[in-house]
Amino acid sequence: MKPKIETKFPITDHNYHSAALDGCSGSCAHLDGPSFRDISRDYFKNEAPQDFLGEALFFAAIVLTAAVPLMSGAYALMHFV
């Protein structure tokens, strides 16, 4: 008789069977409505310009916030050398 081995790992012995996909051809499904290209074109034409100025200002603030300690560190390093 084998001694029972206790394990802390979950049991992973499962009988997996792949599903048969009858009737699927893999071709592109034609949906009613705008295409992804039309949606992105509309976004960049109408909505993106409105958000650009705010995002550019936020990016500039982040760059300035990161640049101040870098310049201070460079100044201290020049005096150290």
C-alpha atoms as a PDB file:
ATOM      1  CA  MET A   1       0.000   0.000   0.000  1.00  0.00           C
ATOM      2  CA  LYS A   2       1.368   3.417  -1.011  1.00  0.00           C
ATOM      3  CA  PRO A   3       1.603   6.138   1.590  1.00  0.00           C
ATOM      4  CA  LYS A   4      -0.574   9.143   0.842  1.00  0.00           C
ATOM      5  CA  ILE A   5       1.535  12.139  -0.191  1.00  0.00           C
ATOM      6  CA  GLU A   6       0.133  15.476   0.848  1.00  0.00           C
ATOM      7  CA  THR A   7       0.632  18.277  -1.616  1.00  0.00           C
ATOM      8  CA  LYS A   8      -0.123  21.957  -1.368  1.00  0.00           C
ATOM      9  CA  PHE A   9      -0.606  22.363  -5.096  1.00  0.00           C
ATOM     10  CA  PRO A  10      -4.081  22.211  -6.657  1.00  0.00           C
ATOM     11  CA  ILE A  11      -5.029  19.101  -8.575  1.00  0.00           C
ATOM     12  CA  THR A  12      -4.545  19.697 -12.275  1.00  0.00           C
ATOM     13  CA  ASP A  13      -5.541  16.341 -13.720  1.00  0.00           C
ATOM     14  CA  HIS A  14      -8.501  17.141 -15.950  1.00  0.00           C
ATOM     15  CA  ASN A  15      -9.888  15.524 -19.067  1.00  0.00           C
ATOM     16  CA  TYR A  16      -9.932  18.409 -21.526  1.00  0.00           C
ATOM     17  CA  HIS A  17     -11.548  17.957 -24.906  1.00  0.00           C
ATOM     18  CA  SER A  18     -11.389  20.630 -27.545  1.00  0.00           C
ATOM     19  CA  ALA A  19     -14.679  21.852 -28.926  1.00  0.00           C
ATOM     20  CA  ALA A  20     -15.549  21.277 -32.553  1.00  0.00           C
ATOM     21  CA  LEU A  21     -16.528  24.482 -34.322  1.00  0.00           C
ATOM     22  CA  ASP A  22     -18.734  23.232 -37.098  1.00  0.00           C
ATOM     23  CA  GLY A  23     -19.900  25.905 -39.482  1.00  0.00           C
ATOM     24  CA  CYS A  24     -17.025  28.328 -38.787  1.00  0.00           C
ATOM     25  CA  SER A  25     -15.102  29.326 -41.854  1.00  0.00           C
ATOM     26  CA  GLY A  26     -12.761  31.873 -40.282  1.00  0.00           C
ATOM     27  CA  SER A  27     -13.885  34.579 -42.662  1.00  0.00           C
ATOM     28  CA  CYS A  28     -14.516  38.116 -41.527  1.00  0.00           C
ATOM     29  CA  ALA A  29     -17.960  38.787 -40.128  1.00  0.00           C
ATOM     30  CA  HIS A  30     -19.682  41.703 -41.822  1.00  0.00           C
ATOM     31  CA  LEU A  31     -21.369  43.786 -39.181  1.00  0.00           C
ATOM     32  CA  ASP A  32     -23.736  46.638 -39.730  1.00  0.00           C
ATOM     33  CA  GLY A  33     -22.183  49.917 -38.665  1.00  0.00           C
ATOM     34  CA  PRO A  34     -18.987  51.892 -39.119  1.00  0.00           C
ATOM     35  CA  SER A  35     -15.657  50.192 -39.582  1.00  0.00           C
ATOM     36  CA  PHE A  36     -12.750  50.623 -37.197  1.00  0.00           C
ATOM     37  CA  ARG A  37     -11.067  52.893 -39.743  1.00  0.00           C
ATOM     38  CA  ASP A  38     -14.132  55.149 -39.878  1.00  0.00           C
ATOM     39  CA  ILE A  39     -14.339  55.308 -36.078  1.00  0.00           C
ATOM     40  CA  SER A  40     -10.655  56.231 -35.717  1.00  0.00           C
ATOM     41  CA  ARG A  41     -10.822  58.760 -38.554  1.00  0.00           C
ATOM     42  CA  ASP A  42     -13.821  60.411 -36.885  1.00  0.00           C
ATOM     43  CA  TYR A  43     -12.033  60.472 -33.521  1.00  0.00           C
ATOM     44  CA  PHE A  44      -8.873  62.089 -34.877  1.00  0.00           C
ATOM     45  CA  LYS A  45     -10.893  64.603 -36.892  1.00  0.00           C
ATOM     46  CA  ASN A  46     -13.327  65.708 -34.183  1.00  0.00           C
ATOM     47  CA  GLU A  47     -12.250  64.733 -30.665  1.00  0.00           C
ATOM     48  CA  ALA A  48      -8.453  64.519 -30.631  1.00  0.00           C
ATOM     49  CA  PRO A  49      -7.801  68.223 -31.414  1.00  0.00           C
ATOM     50  CA  GLN A  50      -9.937  69.260 -28.428  1.00  0.00           C
ATOM     51  CA  ASP A  51      -7.873  67.171 -26.017  1.00  0.00           C
ATOM     52  CA  PHE A  52      -4.473  67.957 -27.534  1.00  0.00           C
ATOM     53  CA  LEU A  53      -3.853  71.293 -25.788  1.00  0.00           C
ATOM     54  CA  GLY A  54      -4.659  69.941 -22.329  1.00  0.00           C
ATOM     55  CA  GLU A  55      -2.518  66.866 -22.857  1.00  0.00           C
ATOM     56  CA  ALA A  56       0.369  68.962 -24.222  1.00  0.00           C
ATOM     57  CA  LEU A  57       0.260  71.231 -21.161  1.00  0.00           C
ATOM     58  CA  PHE A  58       0.144  68.238 -18.831  1.00  0.00           C
ATOM     59  CA  PHE A  59       3.129  66.689 -20.648  1.00  0.00           C
ATOM     60  CA  ALA A  60       5.072  69.959 -20.332  1.00  0.00           C
ATOM     61  CA  ALA A  61       4.331  70.053 -16.592  1.00  0.00           C
ATOM     62  CA  ILE A  62       5.625  66.491 -16.198  1.00  0.00           C
ATOM     63  CA  VAL A  63       8.787  67.305 -18.172  1.00  0.00           C
ATOM     64  CA  LEU A  64       9.455  70.408 -16.063  1.00  0.00           C
ATOM     65  CA  THR A  65       8.821  68.483 -12.856  1.00  0.00           C
ATOM     66  CA  ALA A  66      11.347  65.848 -13.912  1.00  0.00           C
ATOM     67  CA  ALA A  67      13.865  68.366 -15.302  1.00  0.00           C
ATOM     68  CA  VAL A  68      14.277  70.399 -12.094  1.00  0.00           C
ATOM     69  CA  PRO A  69      15.813  67.562  -9.994  1.00  0.00           C
ATOM     70  CA  LEU A  70      17.946  66.435 -12.948  1.00  0.00           C
ATOM     71  CA  MET A  71      19.382  69.924 -13.413  1.00  0.00           C
ATOM     72  CA  SER A  72      19.955  70.263  -9.673  1.00  0.00           C
ATOM     73  CA  GLY A  73      21.767  66.926  -9.657  1.00  0.00           C
ATOM     74  CA  ALA A  74      23.896  67.939 -12.635  1.00  0.00           C
ATOM     75  CA  TYR A  75      24.775  71.248 -10.927  1.00  0.00           C
ATOM     76  CA  ALA A  76      25.769  69.439  -7.710  1.00  0.00           C
ATOM     77  CA  LEU A  77      27.847  66.927  -9.688  1.00  0.00           C
ATOM     78  CA  MET A  78      29.704  69.744 -11.486  1.00  0.00           C
ATOM     79  CA  HIS A  79      30.597  71.333  -8.140  1.00  0.00           C
ATOM     80  CA  PHE A  80      31.641  67.969  -6.728  1.00  0.00           C
ATOM     81  CA  VAL A  81      34.024  67.300  -9.610  1.00  0.00           C
END
